[in-house]
Amino acid sequence: MDFKKTYYISAFFWKNYNAASKAKIDVERIFQKMGFDSIDLFKDKKNIRVFSIGKLFKLIFTSLFSKKYRHSDVFFQNGTGIDFFLAPILKFIFRKGKRVIVIHDVETIRLGRKIDFIREKSVFSKFTHAVCHSQQMANFLREELGFKGTIHILGLFDYILENKLNDYKDLKVEELQFPNNDKFSIVYAGNLSKWKSGFLHKISEDNLLFKNYRLVLYGKGFDEAEKNECLELKGAFPPDELPYHLQGHFGLIWDGDDIDKISGSVGRYLKYNSPHKASLYIVSGLPLICWKEAAVFETIKKYNIGFGIDSLKDLDEKLSNISEQEYYVWKSNTIKLKDKLAQGKNLEEIIRQILRS
């Protein structure tokens, strides 16, 4: 007898403030909601999940002596640290079914190392389907990594909202009104350290002042003493709680050391990936501001939920020309998209397309 079910490989993640953990946990929540069966190859130890060789041997042993998995479909999130080892095993075990990889990062683009190219080219080739961030990333998978399977474009990660009442609509922060005679509050959330968000420290060190906006910071790595009057520090919150604390008019997607441009490896990666913080801002009801060359700018234009800039130096002038009507169109469109991402519907729609195909 042949068995046909849908499985997912439970992901590796750190149990901390890391947004990457939030992304992987949310993908698992979607798998669970859709009734997929879990194959857990990890065990929990304090704040980390550790690979279990015993669980892997049990999976292989079962597949060798039964047809339980042969015709079934499997979903896998990359970034376990042992993808190179696991991918060929999954190809063998689920050899007659769909093997779908949900891509969180492509290190060949992000880091540009030869070893990443060799590893990821091999890993991705073991899957029949891939879910990736953007059309630019899909092109890279095809043209540079030689992926021959079916590619689906995610566009934006889901950012599932939950609370004790299990009703995210009941939790709202106070809405800020359009600042006719005051400054816009621009939210920036994430790793605020100098190596990751150097542009913030440059603003502080050069004591730069903005006429039409202030940056409101959420995260760790920025000293209270460093801020100037245009930088307001709000602290750090766990990813599931953060949307209920963000308060501002826009969410900013920027990266690197400079305020006049984004360059180097950081700029290269933004041209391909969809930052998880974009989804965070959307479920918080914040329209987006991003670098015009970022891949996510195409999504912003598609849904009409904000605008792009070439340089942070252009932001003052751009904000001075935004009308109240224009802002509330962006705001309204953001709220419409919020419900989809907050309930995990974006990835769910793609998964259903894959399973129907």
Protein backbone atom coordinates (compact mmCIF):
# COMPACT_ATOMS: atom_id res chain seq x y z
CA MET A 1 0.00 0.00 0.00
CA ASP A 2 1.30 3.48 -0.91
CA PHE A 3 0.89 6.28 1.62
CA LYS A 4 0.33 9.87 0.49
CA LYS A 5 0.43 12.61 3.13
CA THR A 6 2.00 16.03 3.58
CA TYR A 7 4.86 16.42 6.07
CA TYR A 8 7.10 19.22 7.23
CA ILE A 9 10.55 19.07 8.77
CA SER A 10 10.43 20.97 12.04
CA ALA A 11 12.90 23.85 11.80
CA PHE A 12 16.03 24.83 13.65
CA PHE A 13 15.69 28.16 15.46
CA TRP A 14 16.94 30.16 18.43
CA LYS A 15 14.32 30.98 21.07
CA ASN A 16 15.16 34.64 21.57
CA TYR A 17 14.50 38.11 20.13
CA ASN A 18 15.76 37.06 16.72
CA ALA A 19 13.36 37.93 13.89
CA ALA A 20 14.66 34.97 11.88
CA SER A 21 13.29 32.68 14.59
CA LYS A 22 9.93 34.43 14.36
CA ALA A 23 9.83 33.83 10.60
CA LYS A 24 10.55 30.11 10.94
CA ILE A 25 8.13 29.64 13.83
CA ASP A 26 5.37 31.36 11.84
CA VAL A 27 5.97 29.10 8.83
CA GLU A 28 5.58 26.11 11.15
CA ARG A 29 2.36 27.59 12.54
CA ILE A 30 1.02 27.72 8.98
CA PHE A 31 2.03 24.09 8.36
CA GLN A 32 0.30 23.05 11.58
CA LYS A 33 -2.84 25.04 10.77
CA MET A 34 -3.02 23.26 7.40
CA GLY A 35 -2.87 19.88 9.12
CA PHE A 36 0.59 18.77 7.97
CA ASP A 37 2.38 16.06 9.99
CA SER A 38 5.59 17.09 11.72
CA ILE A 39 8.89 15.26 11.39
CA ASP A 40 11.01 16.62 14.22
CA LEU A 41 14.76 16.03 13.86
CA PHE A 42 15.71 18.41 16.65
CA LYS A 43 15.53 18.41 20.44
CA ASP A 44 15.14 21.43 22.71
CA LYS A 45 18.01 22.56 24.94
CA LYS A 46 17.57 25.86 26.81
CA ASN A 47 17.37 28.57 24.11
CA ILE A 48 18.34 26.47 21.11
CA ARG A 49 17.17 23.41 19.18
CA VAL A 50 19.88 20.78 18.71
CA PHE A 51 19.99 18.26 15.87
CA SER A 52 19.20 14.68 16.94
CA ILE A 53 21.07 11.98 15.01
CA GLY A 54 18.85 9.37 16.68
CA LYS A 55 15.68 10.90 15.24
CA LEU A 56 17.26 11.02 11.79
CA PHE A 57 18.26 7.35 11.92
CA LYS A 58 14.71 6.48 12.95
CA LEU A 59 13.34 8.40 9.92
CA ILE A 60 15.77 6.67 7.54
CA PHE A 61 15.08 3.24 9.05
CA THR A 62 11.30 3.72 8.69
CA SER A 63 11.66 4.80 5.05
CA LEU A 64 13.84 1.78 4.22
CA PHE A 65 11.37 -0.79 5.50
CA SER A 66 8.04 0.79 4.53
CA LYS A 67 6.49 2.97 1.83
CA LYS A 68 5.25 5.46 4.42
CA TYR A 69 7.02 8.51 2.97
CA ARG A 70 7.84 7.53 -0.60
CA HIS A 71 4.85 9.15 -2.34
CA SER A 72 4.27 11.88 0.24
CA ASP A 73 5.07 15.61 -0.03
CA VAL A 74 7.48 17.35 2.33
CA PHE A 75 8.14 21.00 3.21
CA PHE A 76 11.53 22.11 4.49
CA GLN A 77 12.86 25.50 5.67
CA ASN A 78 16.49 26.17 4.82
CA GLY A 79 19.00 27.36 7.40
CA THR A 80 19.32 24.31 9.68
CA GLY A 81 23.11 24.46 9.56
CA ILE A 82 23.09 20.92 8.16
CA ASP A 83 21.07 21.51 4.97
CA PHE A 84 23.89 20.00 2.88
CA PHE A 85 23.59 16.77 4.87
CA LEU A 86 19.78 16.65 5.14
CA ALA A 87 18.75 17.58 1.57
CA PRO A 88 19.93 14.38 -0.19
CA ILE A 89 18.37 12.25 2.59
CA LEU A 90 15.02 14.00 2.09
CA LYS A 91 15.30 13.51 -1.67
CA PHE A 92 15.75 9.78 -1.15
CA ILE A 93 13.00 9.38 1.45
CA PHE A 94 10.38 11.50 -0.41
CA ARG A 95 11.57 10.47 -3.87
CA LYS A 96 8.10 10.14 -5.45
CA GLY A 97 6.50 13.24 -3.91
CA LYS A 98 6.87 17.01 -4.00
CA ARG A 99 9.85 18.32 -2.03
CA VAL A 100 9.39 22.01 -1.26
CA ILE A 101 12.07 24.28 0.20
CA VAL A 102 10.94 27.53 1.84
CA ILE A 103 13.93 29.85 1.50
CA HIS A 104 14.75 32.29 4.28
CA ASP A 105 18.21 33.36 3.13
CA VAL A 106 20.48 32.73 0.16
CA GLU A 107 23.97 33.00 1.62
CA THR A 108 25.56 32.93 -1.85
CA ILE A 109 24.03 36.38 -2.36
CA ARG A 110 24.31 37.65 1.21
CA LEU A 111 27.93 36.63 1.87
CA GLY A 112 29.23 35.89 -1.63
CA ARG A 113 31.48 33.00 -0.56
CA LYS A 114 32.43 30.16 -2.91
CA ILE A 115 31.63 27.57 -0.23
CA ASP A 116 28.05 28.92 0.02
CA PHE A 117 27.64 28.68 -3.76
CA ILE A 118 28.75 25.02 -3.76
CA ARG A 119 26.58 24.14 -0.76
CA GLU A 120 23.40 25.94 -1.86
CA LYS A 121 23.63 24.78 -5.48
CA SER A 122 23.68 21.21 -4.16
CA VAL A 123 20.98 21.72 -1.51
CA PHE A 124 18.44 23.46 -3.74
CA SER A 125 18.87 20.88 -6.51
CA LYS A 126 17.36 18.22 -4.24
CA PHE A 127 13.94 19.93 -4.20
CA THR A 128 11.16 19.96 -6.78
CA HIS A 129 9.73 23.34 -5.67
CA ALA A 130 11.12 26.48 -4.03
CA VAL A 131 9.37 29.39 -2.31
CA CYS A 132 11.58 32.47 -2.45
CA HIS A 133 11.38 36.19 -1.64
CA SER A 134 11.30 38.00 -4.98
CA GLN A 135 11.51 37.70 -8.75
CA GLN A 136 15.13 38.85 -8.50
CA MET A 137 15.89 35.97 -6.13
CA ALA A 138 14.04 33.54 -8.43
CA ASN A 139 16.20 34.70 -11.35
CA PHE A 140 19.33 34.14 -9.26
CA LEU A 141 18.22 30.62 -8.33
CA ARG A 142 17.66 29.81 -12.02
CA GLU A 143 20.61 31.59 -13.63
CA GLU A 144 23.35 31.33 -10.99
CA LEU A 145 22.46 28.25 -8.93
CA GLY A 146 20.90 26.25 -11.75
CA PHE A 147 17.66 25.40 -9.94
CA LYS A 148 15.40 23.43 -12.30
CA GLY A 149 12.28 23.04 -10.16
CA THR A 150 9.15 25.19 -9.91
CA ILE A 151 9.61 28.56 -8.17
CA HIS A 152 6.91 30.48 -6.31
CA ILE A 153 7.39 34.14 -5.26
CA LEU A 154 6.41 34.95 -1.67
CA GLY A 155 6.80 38.75 -1.89
CA LEU A 156 6.22 39.27 1.83
CA PHE A 157 6.64 36.94 4.78
CA ASP A 158 3.63 36.37 6.96
CA TYR A 159 3.87 37.81 10.48
CA ILE A 160 1.33 35.97 12.60
CA LEU A 161 -0.21 37.92 15.46
CA GLU A 162 -1.38 36.09 18.54
CA ASN A 163 -2.34 37.07 22.07
CA LYS A 164 -4.00 35.55 25.11
CA LEU A 165 -7.44 36.29 23.67
CA ASN A 166 -6.38 34.66 20.39
CA ASP A 167 -7.79 37.73 18.63
CA TYR A 168 -5.11 40.07 17.30
CA LYS A 169 -7.71 42.68 16.34
CA ASP A 170 -8.33 43.44 20.03
CA LEU A 171 -4.78 44.70 20.56
CA LYS A 172 -3.98 48.11 19.10
CA VAL A 173 -1.52 50.88 19.88
CA GLU A 174 -2.75 54.45 19.76
CA GLU A 175 -2.88 55.73 16.18
CA LEU A 176 -0.81 58.81 15.37
CA GLN A 177 -2.62 61.50 13.40
CA PHE A 178 -1.14 63.06 10.28
CA PRO A 179 1.43 65.60 11.53
CA ASN A 180 0.28 68.76 9.79
CA ASN A 181 2.45 71.06 11.89
CA ASP A 182 4.77 68.55 13.50
CA LYS A 183 7.34 65.91 12.55
CA PHE A 184 6.62 62.46 11.16
CA SER A 185 7.61 59.55 13.41
CA ILE A 186 9.58 57.02 11.34
CA VAL A 187 9.94 53.62 13.02
CA TYR A 188 13.13 51.59 12.61
CA ALA A 189 13.11 48.17 14.28
CA GLY A 190 15.79 45.47 14.42
CA ASN A 191 19.42 45.04 15.35
CA LEU A 192 20.58 48.57 16.19
CA SER A 193 24.27 47.75 16.66
CA LYS A 194 26.95 49.62 14.78
CA TRP A 195 27.94 46.63 12.60
CA LYS A 196 24.35 46.08 11.42
CA SER A 197 22.77 49.56 11.46
CA GLY A 198 25.79 51.81 11.19
CA PHE A 199 23.78 54.62 9.58
CA LEU A 200 22.02 55.26 12.91
CA HIS A 201 25.34 55.72 14.67
CA LYS A 202 26.49 58.04 11.89
CA ILE A 203 23.38 60.18 12.44
CA SER A 204 24.24 60.34 16.13
CA GLU A 205 27.99 60.94 15.72
CA ASP A 206 27.48 63.69 13.13
CA ASN A 207 24.56 65.11 15.17
CA LEU A 208 22.40 65.22 12.05
CA LEU A 209 19.04 66.91 12.45
CA PHE A 210 15.91 66.40 10.36
CA LYS A 211 13.34 69.07 9.75
CA ASN A 212 10.32 66.87 9.03
CA TYR A 213 10.86 63.62 10.92
CA ARG A 214 12.35 61.80 13.88
CA LEU A 215 13.52 58.17 13.92
CA VAL A 216 11.89 56.01 16.60
CA LEU A 217 14.10 53.00 17.38
CA TYR A 218 13.04 49.56 18.63
CA GLY A 219 15.70 46.95 19.36
CA LYS A 220 19.05 46.38 21.03
CA GLY A 221 22.54 47.69 20.33
CA PHE A 222 22.07 51.45 20.56
CA ASP A 223 23.16 53.27 23.71
CA GLU A 224 20.72 55.80 25.17
CA ALA A 225 23.60 58.26 25.49
CA GLU A 226 24.27 58.10 21.73
CA LYS A 227 20.95 59.49 20.61
CA ASN A 228 20.31 63.06 19.50
CA GLU A 229 17.01 64.92 19.42
CA CYS A 230 16.00 63.20 16.16
CA LEU A 231 16.59 59.68 17.53
CA GLU A 232 14.15 58.29 20.09
CA LEU A 233 14.93 54.94 21.75
CA LYS A 234 11.91 52.80 22.73
CA GLY A 235 13.57 49.53 23.82
CA ALA A 236 13.37 45.88 22.74
CA PHE A 237 10.43 43.48 22.77
CA PRO A 238 9.98 39.81 21.75
CA PRO A 239 8.90 39.46 18.09
CA ASP A 240 5.37 38.29 18.96
CA GLU A 241 4.83 41.36 21.17
CA LEU A 242 6.61 43.96 19.06
CA PRO A 243 3.69 44.87 16.72
CA TYR A 244 1.65 45.92 19.75
CA HIS A 245 4.33 48.46 20.74
CA LEU A 246 5.32 50.08 17.43
CA GLN A 247 3.98 53.60 17.15
CA GLY A 248 4.72 55.83 14.19
CA HIS A 249 3.65 57.05 10.77
CA PHE A 250 5.97 54.90 8.63
CA GLY A 251 8.34 51.95 8.96
CA LEU A 252 11.83 52.39 7.49
CA ILE A 253 13.73 49.70 5.56
CA TRP A 254 17.36 50.79 5.37
CA ASP A 255 20.66 49.11 6.13
CA GLY A 256 24.42 49.57 6.24
CA ASP A 257 26.74 52.40 7.28
CA ASP A 258 25.69 55.25 5.01
CA ILE A 259 22.73 57.62 4.92
CA ASP A 260 23.23 58.77 1.33
CA LYS A 261 23.28 55.30 -0.26
CA ILE A 262 23.19 51.57 0.37
CA SER A 263 26.22 49.76 -1.01
CA GLY A 264 28.42 46.69 -0.62
CA SER A 265 27.10 43.29 0.45
CA VAL A 266 24.21 44.90 2.35
CA GLY A 267 22.99 46.72 -0.74
CA ARG A 268 23.44 43.67 -2.93
CA TYR A 269 21.31 41.56 -0.60
CA LEU A 270 18.50 44.13 -0.37
CA LYS A 271 18.18 43.86 -4.14
CA TYR A 272 17.05 40.25 -3.71
CA ASN A 273 15.50 39.65 -0.28
CA SER A 274 12.25 40.66 1.40
CA PRO A 275 13.21 41.88 4.89
CA HIS A 276 11.09 40.38 7.64
CA LYS A 277 10.77 43.86 9.16
CA ALA A 278 8.66 44.90 6.14
CA SER A 279 6.02 42.43 7.31
CA LEU A 280 6.45 43.59 10.91
CA TYR A 281 5.69 47.18 9.88
CA ILE A 282 2.67 46.14 7.81
CA VAL A 283 1.01 44.14 10.60
CA SER A 284 1.69 47.13 12.85
CA GLY A 285 -0.29 49.29 10.39
CA LEU A 286 2.72 51.30 9.18
CA PRO A 287 3.19 52.22 5.51
CA LEU A 288 6.74 51.59 4.27
CA ILE A 289 9.71 53.70 3.22
CA CYS A 290 12.55 51.83 1.53
CA TRP A 291 15.54 52.12 -0.77
CA LYS A 292 14.34 52.35 -4.38
CA GLU A 293 16.67 49.60 -5.56
CA ALA A 294 15.48 47.10 -2.93
CA ALA A 295 13.49 44.10 -4.18
CA VAL A 296 10.71 44.87 -1.71
CA PHE A 297 10.12 48.25 -3.40
CA GLU A 298 8.31 46.37 -6.19
CA THR A 299 5.92 44.96 -3.57
CA ILE A 300 5.41 48.41 -2.05
CA LYS A 301 4.43 49.77 -5.48
CA LYS A 302 2.21 46.74 -6.19
CA TYR A 303 0.09 47.28 -3.08
CA ASN A 304 0.58 51.09 -2.95
CA ILE A 305 1.68 51.02 0.70
CA GLY A 306 4.44 53.63 0.78
CA PHE A 307 7.29 55.06 -1.25
CA GLY A 308 10.98 54.67 -2.10
CA ILE A 309 14.00 56.92 -1.73
CA ASP A 310 17.52 56.94 -3.16
CA SER A 311 19.04 58.46 -0.01
CA LEU A 312 18.00 59.29 3.54
CA LYS A 313 19.11 62.81 2.64
CA ASP A 314 16.08 62.95 0.32
CA LEU A 315 13.59 61.99 3.02
CA ASP A 316 13.03 65.46 4.49
CA GLU A 317 12.02 66.92 1.14
CA LYS A 318 9.89 63.89 0.22
CA LEU A 319 7.94 64.08 3.51
CA SER A 320 7.35 67.80 3.06
CA ASN A 321 5.48 67.06 -0.18
CA ILE A 322 3.22 64.26 1.12
CA SER A 323 -0.45 65.23 1.42
CA GLU A 324 -2.73 63.96 4.14
CA GLN A 325 -4.90 62.26 1.52
CA GLU A 326 -1.92 60.45 -0.02
CA TYR A 327 -0.78 59.24 3.41
CA TYR A 328 -4.17 57.81 4.32
CA VAL A 329 -4.41 55.94 1.00
CA TRP A 330 -1.13 54.21 1.89
CA LYS A 331 -2.37 53.64 5.43
CA SER A 332 -5.66 52.13 4.26
CA ASN A 333 -3.90 49.79 1.83
CA THR A 334 -1.50 48.73 4.57
CA ILE A 335 -4.36 47.83 6.91
CA LYS A 336 -5.97 45.71 4.17
CA LEU A 337 -2.73 43.77 3.71
CA LYS A 338 -2.20 43.49 7.46
CA ASP A 339 -5.00 40.96 7.97
CA LYS A 340 -3.60 38.66 5.27
CA LEU A 341 -0.09 38.56 6.76
CA ALA A 342 -1.27 38.45 10.38
CA GLN A 343 -3.28 35.30 9.70
CA GLY A 344 -0.61 33.52 7.63
CA LYS A 345 -2.66 33.66 4.43
CA ASN A 346 0.15 34.69 2.07
CA LEU A 347 2.23 31.52 2.37
CA GLU A 348 -0.90 29.42 2.78
CA GLU A 349 -2.13 30.48 -0.68
CA ILE A 350 1.19 29.50 -2.26
CA ILE A 351 1.22 26.14 -0.47
CA ARG A 352 -2.26 25.35 -1.77
CA GLN A 353 -1.11 26.19 -5.31
CA ILE A 354 1.84 23.80 -4.93
CA LEU A 355 -0.27 20.95 -3.57
CA ARG A 356 -2.88 21.38 -6.34
CA SER A 357 -0.28 21.35 -9.12
